[in-house]
PDB file of all heavy atoms in Angstrom:
ATOM      1  N   GLY A   1      34.733 -90.667  48.337  1.00  0.00           N
ATOM      2  CA  GLY A   1      35.833 -91.537  48.464  1.00  0.00           C
ATOM      3  C   GLY A   1      37.104 -91.028  47.922  1.00  0.00           C
ATOM      4  O   GLY A   1      38.133 -91.774  47.974  1.00  0.00           O
ATOM      5  N   LYS A   2      37.159 -89.860  47.444  1.00  0.00           N
ATOM      6  CA  LYS A   2      38.325 -89.298  46.746  1.00  0.00           C
ATOM      7  C   LYS A   2      38.762 -88.075  47.439  1.00  0.00           C
ATOM      8  O   LYS A   2      37.991 -87.337  48.130  1.00  0.00           O
ATOM      9  CB  LYS A   2      38.211 -89.039  45.325  1.00  0.00           C
ATOM     10  CG  LYS A   2      37.929 -90.292  44.491  1.00  0.00           C
ATOM     11  CD  LYS A   2      37.873 -89.970  43.006  1.00  0.00           C
ATOM     12  CE  LYS A   2      37.664 -91.210  42.146  1.00  0.00           C
ATOM     13  NZ  LYS A   2      37.638 -90.909  40.684  1.00  0.00           N
ATOM     14  N   GLN A   3      40.024 -87.654  47.291  1.00  0.00           N
ATOM     15  CA  GLN A   3      40.529 -86.445  47.792  1.00  0.00           C
ATOM     16  C   GLN A   3      40.110 -85.255  47.017  1.00  0.00           C
ATOM     17  O   GLN A   3      39.869 -85.380  45.746  1.00  0.00           O
ATOM     18  CB  GLN A   3      42.049 -86.404  47.940  1.00  0.00           C
ATOM     19  CG  GLN A   3      42.601 -87.440  48.864  1.00  0.00           C
ATOM     20  CD  GLN A   3      44.131 -87.322  49.089  1.00  0.00           C
ATOM     21  OE1 GLN A   3      44.662 -86.138  49.153  1.00  0.00           O
ATOM     22  NE2 GLN A   3      44.777 -88.428  49.236  1.00  0.00           N
ATOM     23  N   ARG A   4      40.000 -84.081  47.596  1.00  0.00           N
ATOM     24  CA  ARG A   4      39.666 -82.907  46.891  1.00  0.00           C
ATOM     25  C   ARG A   4      40.783 -82.579  45.887  1.00  0.00           C
ATOM     26  O   ARG A   4      41.971 -82.590  46.167  1.00  0.00           O
ATOM     27  CB  ARG A   4      39.419 -81.747  47.832  1.00  0.00           C
ATOM     28  CG  ARG A   4      38.909 -80.468  47.261  1.00  0.00           C
ATOM     29  CD  ARG A   4      38.459 -79.367  48.249  1.00  0.00           C
ATOM     30  NE  ARG A   4      37.441 -79.976  49.064  1.00  0.00           N
ATOM     31  CZ  ARG A   4      36.794 -79.214  50.032  1.00  0.00           C
ATOM     32  NH1 ARG A   4      37.193 -77.942  50.234  1.00  0.00           N
ATOM     33  NH2 ARG A   4      35.893 -79.763  50.775  1.00  0.00           N
ATOM     34  N   GLU A   5      40.389 -82.246  44.671  1.00  0.00           N
ATOM     35  CA  GLU A   5      41.384 -81.937  43.584  1.00  0.00           C
ATOM     36  C   GLU A   5      41.152 -80.573  42.981  1.00  0.00           C
ATOM     37  O   GLU A   5      39.942 -80.134  42.896  1.00  0.00           O
ATOM     38  CB  GLU A   5      41.366 -82.990  42.530  1.00  0.00           C
ATOM     39  CG  GLU A   5      40.052 -83.135  41.738  1.00  0.00           C
ATOM     40  CD  GLU A   5      40.056 -84.119  40.584  1.00  0.00           C
ATOM     41  OE1 GLU A   5      41.218 -84.425  40.134  1.00  0.00           O
ATOM     42  OE2 GLU A   5      39.139 -84.643  40.127  1.00  0.00           O
ATOM     43  N   LEU A   6      42.157 -79.931  42.590  1.00  0.00           N
ATOM     44  CA  LEU A   6      42.144 -78.659  41.904  1.00  0.00           C
ATOM     45  C   LEU A   6      41.611 -78.878  40.480  1.00  0.00           C
ATOM     46  O   LEU A   6      42.077 -79.705  39.756  1.00  0.00           O
ATOM     47  CB  LEU A   6      43.514 -78.004  41.888  1.00  0.00           C
ATOM     48  CG  LEU A   6      43.659 -76.643  41.192  1.00  0.00           C
ATOM     49  CD1 LEU A   6      42.827 -75.665  41.930  1.00  0.00           C
ATOM     50  CD2 LEU A   6      45.100 -76.212  41.158  1.00  0.00           C
ATOM     51  N   VAL A   7      40.700 -78.094  40.139  1.00  0.00           N
ATOM     52  CA  VAL A   7      40.118 -78.053  38.755  1.00  0.00           C
ATOM     53  C   VAL A   7      40.672 -77.050  37.942  1.00  0.00           C
ATOM     54  O   VAL A   7      41.186 -77.289  36.810  1.00  0.00           O
ATOM     55  CB  VAL A   7      38.557 -77.895  38.776  1.00  0.00           C
ATOM     56  CG1 VAL A   7      38.037 -77.833  37.418  1.00  0.00           C
ATOM     57  CG2 VAL A   7      37.943 -79.049  39.534  1.00  0.00           C
ATOM     58  N   ALA A   8      40.661 -75.744  38.415  1.00  0.00           N
ATOM     59  CA  ALA A   8      41.225 -74.660  37.649  1.00  0.00           C
ATOM     60  C   ALA A   8      41.417 -73.454  38.473  1.00  0.00           C
ATOM     61  O   ALA A   8      40.776 -73.302  39.503  1.00  0.00           O
ATOM     62  CB  ALA A   8      40.261 -74.284  36.470  1.00  0.00           C
ATOM     63  N   THR A   9      42.276 -72.614  38.033  1.00  0.00           N
ATOM     64  CA  THR A   9      42.526 -71.326  38.754  1.00  0.00           C
ATOM     65  C   THR A   9      42.586 -70.240  37.768  1.00  0.00           C
ATOM     66  O   THR A   9      42.801 -70.432  36.567  1.00  0.00           O
ATOM     67  CB  THR A   9      43.917 -71.300  39.513  1.00  0.00           C
ATOM     68  OG1 THR A   9      44.963 -71.485  38.553  1.00  0.00           O
ATOM     69  CG2 THR A   9      44.011 -72.474  40.529  1.00  0.00           C
ATOM     70  N   ILE A  10      42.298 -69.035  38.248  1.00  0.00           N
ATOM     71  CA  ILE A  10      42.367 -67.796  37.413  1.00  0.00           C
ATOM     72  C   ILE A  10      42.924 -66.644  38.251  1.00  0.00           C
ATOM     73  O   ILE A  10      42.412 -66.432  39.402  1.00  0.00           O
ATOM     74  CB  ILE A  10      41.010 -67.487  36.804  1.00  0.00           C
ATOM     75  CG1 ILE A  10      41.132 -66.290  35.833  1.00  0.00           C
ATOM     76  CG2 ILE A  10      39.954 -67.288  37.884  1.00  0.00           C
ATOM     77  CD1 ILE A  10      39.904 -66.165  34.900  1.00  0.00           C
ATOM     78  N   THR A  11      43.802 -65.851  37.782  1.00  0.00           N
ATOM     79  CA  THR A  11      44.260 -64.702  38.521  1.00  0.00           C
ATOM     80  C   THR A  11      43.413 -63.552  38.216  1.00  0.00           C
ATOM     81  O   THR A  11      42.506 -63.518  37.297  1.00  0.00           O
ATOM     82  CB  THR A  11      45.698 -64.399  38.074  1.00  0.00           C
ATOM     83  OG1 THR A  11      45.743 -63.930  36.759  1.00  0.00           O
ATOM     84  CG2 THR A  11      46.554 -65.629  38.195  1.00  0.00           C
ATOM     85  N   SER A  12      43.655 -62.421  38.858  1.00  0.00           N
ATOM     86  CA  SER A  12      42.889 -61.220  38.706  1.00  0.00           C
ATOM     87  C   SER A  12      43.126 -60.611  37.252  1.00  0.00           C
ATOM     88  O   SER A  12      42.300 -59.967  36.799  1.00  0.00           O
ATOM     89  CB  SER A  12      43.249 -60.144  39.699  1.00  0.00           C
ATOM     90  OG  SER A  12      44.577 -59.833  39.691  1.00  0.00           O
ATOM     91  N   GLY A  13      44.243 -60.969  36.719  1.00  0.00           N
ATOM     92  CA  GLY A  13      44.639 -60.602  35.316  1.00  0.00           C
ATOM     93  C   GLY A  13      44.079 -61.471  34.245  1.00  0.00           C
ATOM     94  O   GLY A  13      44.247 -61.205  33.112  1.00  0.00           O
ATOM     95  N   GLY A  14      43.411 -62.594  34.595  1.00  0.00           N
ATOM     96  CA  GLY A  14      42.838 -63.454  33.694  1.00  0.00           C
ATOM     97  C   GLY A  14      43.679 -64.616  33.254  1.00  0.00           C
ATOM     98  O   GLY A  14      43.255 -65.364  32.378  1.00  0.00           O
ATOM     99  N   ASN A  15      44.861 -64.841  33.836  1.00  0.00           N
ATOM    100  CA  ASN A  15      45.698 -65.963  33.575  1.00  0.00           C
ATOM    101  C   ASN A  15      45.060 -67.207  34.113  1.00  0.00           C
ATOM    102  O   ASN A  15      44.683 -67.230  35.333  1.00  0.00           O
ATOM    103  CB  ASN A  15      47.080 -65.812  34.066  1.00  0.00           C
ATOM    104  CG  ASN A  15      47.706 -64.666  33.392  1.00  0.00           C
ATOM    105  OD1 ASN A  15      47.697 -64.502  32.159  1.00  0.00           O
ATOM    106  ND2 ASN A  15      48.523 -63.852  34.141  1.00  0.00           N
ATOM    107  N   THR A  16      44.964 -68.272  33.406  1.00  0.00           N
ATOM    108  CA  THR A  16      44.315 -69.436  33.839  1.00  0.00           C
ATOM    109  C   THR A  16      45.202 -70.701  33.822  1.00  0.00           C
ATOM    110  O   THR A  16      46.198 -70.734  33.080  1.00  0.00           O
ATOM    111  CB  THR A  16      43.049 -69.759  32.998  1.00  0.00           C
ATOM    112  OG1 THR A  16      43.482 -69.904  31.659  1.00  0.00           O
ATOM    113  CG2 THR A  16      42.096 -68.647  33.002  1.00  0.00           C
ATOM    114  N   ASN A  17      44.804 -71.598  34.685  1.00  0.00           N
ATOM    115  CA  ASN A  17      45.502 -72.914  34.699  1.00  0.00           C
ATOM    116  C   ASN A  17      44.455 -73.994  34.969  1.00  0.00           C
ATOM    117  O   ASN A  17      43.474 -73.739  35.678  1.00  0.00           O
ATOM    118  CB  ASN A  17      46.599 -73.049  35.824  1.00  0.00           C
ATOM    119  CG  ASN A  17      47.851 -72.287  35.452  1.00  0.00           C
ATOM    120  OD1 ASN A  17      48.618 -72.765  34.638  1.00  0.00           O
ATOM    121  ND2 ASN A  17      48.068 -71.117  36.019  1.00  0.00           N
ATOM    122  N   TYR A  18      44.684 -75.161  34.368  1.00  0.00           N
ATOM    123  CA  TYR A  18      43.738 -76.239  34.477  1.00  0.00           C
ATOM    124  C   TYR A  18      44.422 -77.592  34.822  1.00  0.00           C
ATOM    125  O   TYR A  18      45.534 -77.763  34.439  1.00  0.00           O
ATOM    126  CB  TYR A  18      42.970 -76.421  33.175  1.00  0.00           C
ATOM    127  CG  TYR A  18      42.182 -75.250  32.696  1.00  0.00           C
ATOM    128  CD1 TYR A  18      42.760 -74.269  31.910  1.00  0.00           C
ATOM    129  CD2 TYR A  18      40.772 -75.143  33.071  1.00  0.00           C
ATOM    130  CE1 TYR A  18      42.026 -73.168  31.468  1.00  0.00           C
ATOM    131  CE2 TYR A  18      40.046 -74.040  32.657  1.00  0.00           C
ATOM    132  CZ  TYR A  18      40.743 -73.112  31.783  1.00  0.00           C
ATOM    133  OH  TYR A  18      39.949 -71.954  31.394  1.00  0.00           O
ATOM    134  N   ALA A  19      43.586 -78.458  35.467  1.00  0.00           N
ATOM    135  CA  ALA A  19      43.999 -79.803  35.563  1.00  0.00           C
ATOM    136  C   ALA A  19      44.253 -80.335  34.272  1.00  0.00           C
ATOM    137  O   ALA A  19      43.415 -80.154  33.295  1.00  0.00           O
ATOM    138  CB  ALA A  19      43.029 -80.593  36.391  1.00  0.00           C
ATOM    139  N   ASP A  20      45.311 -81.093  34.014  1.00  0.00           N
ATOM    140  CA  ASP A  20      45.612 -81.624  32.673  1.00  0.00           C
ATOM    141  C   ASP A  20      44.518 -82.444  32.036  1.00  0.00           C
ATOM    142  O   ASP A  20      44.161 -82.334  30.855  1.00  0.00           O
ATOM    143  CB  ASP A  20      46.827 -82.523  32.683  1.00  0.00           C
ATOM    144  CG  ASP A  20      48.177 -81.699  32.934  1.00  0.00           C
ATOM    145  OD1 ASP A  20      48.185 -80.471  32.745  1.00  0.00           O
ATOM    146  OD2 ASP A  20      49.201 -82.286  33.407  1.00  0.00           O
ATOM    147  N   SER A  21      43.733 -83.227  32.876  1.00  0.00           N
ATOM    148  CA  SER A  21      42.739 -84.047  32.351  1.00  0.00           C
ATOM    149  C   SER A  21      41.472 -83.347  31.945  1.00  0.00           C
ATOM    150  O   SER A  21      40.645 -83.852  31.273  1.00  0.00           O
ATOM    151  CB  SER A  21      42.314 -85.115  33.430  1.00  0.00           C
ATOM    152  OG  SER A  21      41.841 -84.455  34.585  1.00  0.00           O
ATOM    153  N   LEU A  22      41.364 -82.021  32.335  1.00  0.00           N
ATOM    154  CA  LEU A  22      40.190 -81.263  32.098  1.00  0.00           C
ATOM    155  C   LEU A  22      40.380 -80.149  31.027  1.00  0.00           C
ATOM    156  O   LEU A  22      39.402 -79.508  30.640  1.00  0.00           O
ATOM    157  CB  LEU A  22      39.691 -80.584  33.343  1.00  0.00           C
ATOM    158  CG  LEU A  22      39.372 -81.509  34.519  1.00  0.00           C
ATOM    159  CD1 LEU A  22      38.966 -80.743  35.797  1.00  0.00           C
ATOM    160  CD2 LEU A  22      38.295 -82.502  34.148  1.00  0.00           C
ATOM    161  N   LYS A  23      41.634 -80.059  30.554  1.00  0.00           N
ATOM    162  CA  LYS A  23      41.825 -79.096  29.499  1.00  0.00           C
ATOM    163  C   LYS A  23      41.028 -79.404  28.282  1.00  0.00           C
ATOM    164  O   LYS A  23      40.962 -80.531  27.794  1.00  0.00           O
ATOM    165  CB  LYS A  23      43.358 -79.027  29.158  1.00  0.00           C
ATOM    166  CG  LYS A  23      44.266 -78.430  30.267  1.00  0.00           C
ATOM    167  CD  LYS A  23      45.664 -78.398  29.862  1.00  0.00           C
ATOM    168  CE  LYS A  23      46.505 -77.799  30.920  1.00  0.00           C
ATOM    169  NZ  LYS A  23      48.006 -77.739  30.577  1.00  0.00           N
ATOM    170  N   GLY A  24      40.432 -78.298  27.693  1.00  0.00           N
ATOM    171  CA  GLY A  24      39.598 -78.486  26.496  1.00  0.00           C
ATOM    172  C   GLY A  24      38.154 -78.684  26.783  1.00  0.00           C
ATOM    173  O   GLY A  24      37.335 -78.495  25.903  1.00  0.00           O
ATOM    174  N   ARG A  25      37.787 -79.174  28.017  1.00  0.00           N
ATOM    175  CA  ARG A  25      36.388 -79.278  28.292  1.00  0.00           C
ATOM    176  C   ARG A  25      35.850 -78.248  29.338  1.00  0.00           C
ATOM    177  O   ARG A  25      34.709 -77.867  29.285  1.00  0.00           O
ATOM    178  CB  ARG A  25      36.141 -80.691  28.942  1.00  0.00           C
ATOM    179  CG  ARG A  25      36.400 -81.834  27.993  1.00  0.00           C
ATOM    180  CD  ARG A  25      35.831 -83.097  28.449  1.00  0.00           C
ATOM    181  NE  ARG A  25      36.397 -83.505  29.844  1.00  0.00           N
ATOM    182  CZ  ARG A  25      35.679 -83.668  30.967  1.00  0.00           C
ATOM    183  NH1 ARG A  25      34.376 -83.448  30.924  1.00  0.00           N
ATOM    184  NH2 ARG A  25      36.309 -84.043  31.996  1.00  0.00           N
ATOM    185  N   PHE A  26      36.724 -77.794  30.225  1.00  0.00           N
ATOM    186  CA  PHE A  26      36.284 -76.808  31.202  1.00  0.00           C
ATOM    187  C   PHE A  26      36.924 -75.467  30.949  1.00  0.00           C
ATOM    188  O   PHE A  26      38.118 -75.439  30.518  1.00  0.00           O
ATOM    189  CB  PHE A  26      36.734 -77.297  32.658  1.00  0.00           C
ATOM    190  CG  PHE A  26      35.870 -78.485  33.153  1.00  0.00           C
ATOM    191  CD1 PHE A  26      35.075 -79.175  32.347  1.00  0.00           C
ATOM    192  CD2 PHE A  26      35.951 -78.741  34.531  1.00  0.00           C
ATOM    193  CE1 PHE A  26      34.356 -80.306  32.834  1.00  0.00           C
ATOM    194  CE2 PHE A  26      35.259 -79.803  35.082  1.00  0.00           C
ATOM    195  CZ  PHE A  26      34.474 -80.572  34.244  1.00  0.00           C
ATOM    196  N   THR A  27      36.253 -74.437  31.250  1.00  0.00           N
ATOM    197  CA  THR A  27      36.717 -73.074  31.105  1.00  0.00           C
ATOM    198  C   THR A  27      36.434 -72.242  32.321  1.00  0.00           C
ATOM    199  O   THR A  27      35.256 -72.145  32.727  1.00  0.00           O
ATOM    200  CB  THR A  27      36.142 -72.400  29.864  1.00  0.00           C
ATOM    201  OG1 THR A  27      36.448 -73.142  28.693  1.00  0.00           O
ATOM    202  CG2 THR A  27      36.802 -70.946  29.762  1.00  0.00           C
ATOM    203  N   ILE A  28      37.482 -71.671  32.886  1.00  0.00           N
ATOM    204  CA  ILE A  28      37.284 -70.772  34.059  1.00  0.00           C
ATOM    205  C   ILE A  28      37.312 -69.365  33.650  1.00  0.00           C
ATOM    206  O   ILE A  28      38.088 -68.974  32.761  1.00  0.00           O
ATOM    207  CB  ILE A  28      38.280 -71.086  35.193  1.00  0.00           C
ATOM    208  CG1 ILE A  28      37.920 -70.353  36.500  1.00  0.00           C
ATOM    209  CG2 ILE A  28      39.695 -70.743  34.789  1.00  0.00           C
ATOM    210  CD1 ILE A  28      38.815 -70.763  37.653  1.00  0.00           C
ATOM    211  N   SER A  29      36.496 -68.530  34.227  1.00  0.00           N
ATOM    212  CA  SER A  29      36.457 -67.064  33.904  1.00  0.00           C
ATOM    213  C   SER A  29      36.071 -66.342  35.062  1.00  0.00           C
ATOM    214  O   SER A  29      35.598 -66.987  36.124  1.00  0.00           O
ATOM    215  CB  SER A  29      35.515 -66.829  32.732  1.00  0.00           C
ATOM    216  OG  SER A  29      34.216 -67.121  32.989  1.00  0.00           O
ATOM    217  N   ARG A  30      36.127 -65.076  35.087  1.00  0.00           N
ATOM    218  CA  ARG A  30      35.712 -64.280  36.275  1.00  0.00           C
ATOM    219  C   ARG A  30      35.262 -62.865  35.833  1.00  0.00           C
ATOM    220  O   ARG A  30      35.611 -62.365  34.772  1.00  0.00           O
ATOM    221  CB  ARG A  30      36.919 -64.142  37.224  1.00  0.00           C
ATOM    222  CG  ARG A  30      38.110 -63.303  36.772  1.00  0.00           C
ATOM    223  CD  ARG A  30      39.251 -63.452  37.726  1.00  0.00           C
ATOM    224  NE  ARG A  30      38.983 -62.707  38.984  1.00  0.00           N
ATOM    225  CZ  ARG A  30      39.707 -62.801  40.054  1.00  0.00           C
ATOM    226  NH1 ARG A  30      40.878 -63.573  40.064  1.00  0.00           N
ATOM    227  NH2 ARG A  30      39.598 -62.066  41.126  1.00  0.00           N
ATOM    228  N   ASP A  31      34.571 -62.270  36.691  1.00  0.00           N
ATOM    229  CA  ASP A  31      33.966 -60.866  36.559  1.00  0.00           C
ATOM    230  C   ASP A  31      34.521 -60.159  37.879  1.00  0.00           C
ATOM    231  O   ASP A  31      33.950 -60.311  38.848  1.00  0.00           O
ATOM    232  CB  ASP A  31      32.470 -60.849  36.446  1.00  0.00           C
ATOM    233  CG  ASP A  31      32.022 -59.449  36.229  1.00  0.00           C
ATOM    234  OD1 ASP A  31      32.633 -58.430  36.604  1.00  0.00           O
ATOM    235  OD2 ASP A  31      30.873 -59.327  35.673  1.00  0.00           O
ATOM    236  N   ASN A  32      35.565 -59.414  37.637  1.00  0.00           N
ATOM    237  CA  ASN A  32      36.221 -58.776  38.824  1.00  0.00           C
ATOM    238  C   ASN A  32      35.260 -57.821  39.515  1.00  0.00           C
ATOM    239  O   ASN A  32      35.291 -57.591  40.769  1.00  0.00           O
ATOM    240  CB  ASN A  32      37.503 -58.106  38.448  1.00  0.00           C
ATOM    241  CG  ASN A  32      38.544 -59.068  38.091  1.00  0.00           C
ATOM    242  OD1 ASN A  32      38.637 -60.253  38.584  1.00  0.00           O
ATOM    243  ND2 ASN A  32      39.522 -58.676  37.311  1.00  0.00           N
ATOM    244  N   ALA A  33      34.455 -57.098  38.693  1.00  0.00           N
ATOM    245  CA  ALA A  33      33.573 -56.068  39.272  1.00  0.00           C
ATOM    246  C   ALA A  33      32.585 -56.752  40.151  1.00  0.00           C
ATOM    247  O   ALA A  33      32.015 -56.060  41.103  1.00  0.00           O
ATOM    248  CB  ALA A  33      32.904 -55.286  38.157  1.00  0.00           C
ATOM    249  N   LYS A  34      32.159 -58.003  39.905  1.00  0.00           N
ATOM    250  CA  LYS A  34      31.176 -58.686  40.665  1.00  0.00           C
ATOM    251  C   LYS A  34      31.737 -59.603  41.640  1.00  0.00           C
ATOM    252  O   LYS A  34      30.993 -60.396  42.362  1.00  0.00           O
ATOM    253  CB  LYS A  34      30.272 -59.417  39.729  1.00  0.00           C
ATOM    254  CG  LYS A  34      29.342 -58.540  38.796  1.00  0.00           C
ATOM    255  CD  LYS A  34      28.433 -59.389  37.891  1.00  0.00           C
ATOM    256  CE  LYS A  34      27.636 -58.489  37.033  1.00  0.00           C
ATOM    257  NZ  LYS A  34      26.733 -59.317  36.206  1.00  0.00           N
ATOM    258  N   ASN A  35      33.009 -59.743  41.716  1.00  0.00           N
ATOM    259  CA  ASN A  35      33.798 -60.709  42.596  1.00  0.00           C
ATOM    260  C   ASN A  35      33.189 -62.126  42.375  1.00  0.00           C
ATOM    261  O   ASN A  35      32.953 -62.837  43.347  1.00  0.00           O
ATOM    262  CB  ASN A  35      33.641 -60.306  44.102  1.00  0.00           C
ATOM    263  CG  ASN A  35      34.509 -59.128  44.393  1.00  0.00           C
ATOM    264  OD1 ASN A  35      35.635 -58.958  43.876  1.00  0.00           O
ATOM    265  ND2 ASN A  35      34.054 -58.214  45.288  1.00  0.00           N
ATOM    266  N   THR A  36      33.074 -62.469  41.145  1.00  0.00           N
ATOM    267  CA  THR A  36      32.408 -63.748  40.747  1.00  0.00           C
ATOM    268  C   THR A  36      33.326 -64.542  39.806  1.00  0.00           C
ATOM    269  O   THR A  36      33.933 -64.037  38.930  1.00  0.00           O
ATOM    270  CB  THR A  36      31.140 -63.528  40.136  1.00  0.00           C
ATOM    271  OG1 THR A  36      30.221 -62.775  41.024  1.00  0.00           O
ATOM    272  CG2 THR A  36      30.412 -64.860  39.725  1.00  0.00           C
ATOM    273  N   VAL A  37      33.459 -65.836  40.062  1.00  0.00           N
ATOM    274  CA  VAL A  37      34.236 -66.783  39.269  1.00  0.00           C
ATOM    275  C   VAL A  37      33.265 -67.784  38.610  1.00  0.00           C
ATOM    276  O   VAL A  37      32.182 -68.194  39.233  1.00  0.00           O
ATOM    277  CB  VAL A  37      35.358 -67.463  39.946  1.00  0.00           C
ATOM    278  CG1 VAL A  37      34.777 -68.328  41.143  1.00  0.00           C
ATOM    279  CG2 VAL A  37      36.163 -68.265  39.098  1.00  0.00           C
ATOM    280  N   TYR A  38      33.489 -68.091  37.386  1.00  0.00           N
ATOM    281  CA  TYR A  38      32.577 -69.077  36.728  1.00  0.00           C
ATOM    282  C   TYR A  38      33.424 -70.330  36.291  1.00  0.00           C
ATOM    283  O   TYR A  38      34.626 -70.229  36.050  1.00  0.00           O
ATOM    284  CB  TYR A  38      32.002 -68.399  35.469  1.00  0.00           C
ATOM    285  CG  TYR A  38      31.252 -67.134  35.735  1.00  0.00           C
ATOM    286  CD1 TYR A  38      31.905 -65.882  35.696  1.00  0.00           C
ATOM    287  CD2 TYR A  38      29.869 -67.204  36.086  1.00  0.00           C
ATOM    288  CE1 TYR A  38      31.220 -64.801  35.915  1.00  0.00           C
ATOM    289  CE2 TYR A  38      29.191 -65.997  36.402  1.00  0.00           C
ATOM    290  CZ  TYR A  38      29.876 -64.765  36.251  1.00  0.00           C
ATOM    291  OH  TYR A  38      29.186 -63.609  36.584  1.00  0.00           O
ATOM    292  N   LEU A  39      32.669 -71.422  36.050  1.00  0.00           N
ATOM    293  CA  LEU A  39      33.261 -72.589  35.511  1.00  0.00           C
ATOM    294  C   LEU A  39      32.308 -73.170  34.520  1.00  0.00           C
ATOM    295  O   LEU A  39      31.215 -73.657  34.875  1.00  0.00           O
ATOM    296  CB  LEU A  39      33.564 -73.633  36.572  1.00  0.00           C
ATOM    297  CG  LEU A  39      34.238 -74.929  36.121  1.00  0.00           C
ATOM    298  CD1 LEU A  39      35.704 -74.525  35.700  1.00  0.00           C
ATOM    299  CD2 LEU A  39      34.292 -75.918  37.104  1.00  0.00           C
ATOM    300  N   GLN A  40      32.596 -73.002  33.205  1.00  0.00           N
ATOM    301  CA  GLN A  40      31.935 -73.648  32.150  1.00  0.00           C
ATOM    302  C   GLN A  40      32.304 -75.008  31.973  1.00  0.00           C
ATOM    303  O   GLN A  40      33.497 -75.260  31.655  1.00  0.00           O
ATOM    304  CB  GLN A  40      32.058 -72.824  30.875  1.00  0.00           C
ATOM    305  CG  GLN A  40      31.234 -73.319  29.672  1.00  0.00           C
ATOM    306  CD  GLN A  40      29.772 -73.221  29.891  1.00  0.00           C
ATOM    307  OE1 GLN A  40      29.231 -72.194  30.350  1.00  0.00           O
ATOM    308  NE2 GLN A  40      28.985 -74.347  29.583  1.00  0.00           N
ATOM    309  N   MET A  41      31.461 -75.967  32.023  1.00  0.00           N
ATOM    310  CA  MET A  41      31.794 -77.315  31.904  1.00  0.00           C
ATOM    311  C   MET A  41      31.019 -77.979  30.682  1.00  0.00           C
ATOM    312  O   MET A  41      29.831 -77.990  30.705  1.00  0.00           O
ATOM    313  CB  MET A  41      31.435 -78.135  33.254  1.00  0.00           C
ATOM    314  CG  MET A  41      32.031 -77.571  34.429  1.00  0.00           C
ATOM    315  SD  MET A  41      31.727 -78.518  35.960  1.00  0.00           S
ATOM    316  CE  MET A  41      29.937 -78.312  36.034  1.00  0.00           C
TER     317      MET A  41
END
């Protein structure tokens, strides 16, 4: 019943941005060698 919302982004250089309401609880990270992104909640 809700629209899709952005949780977090991460650049290839590791710069991150989060939805304001999720800061402090969620962490985004990535492994460039594996082309994999993670979200620790």
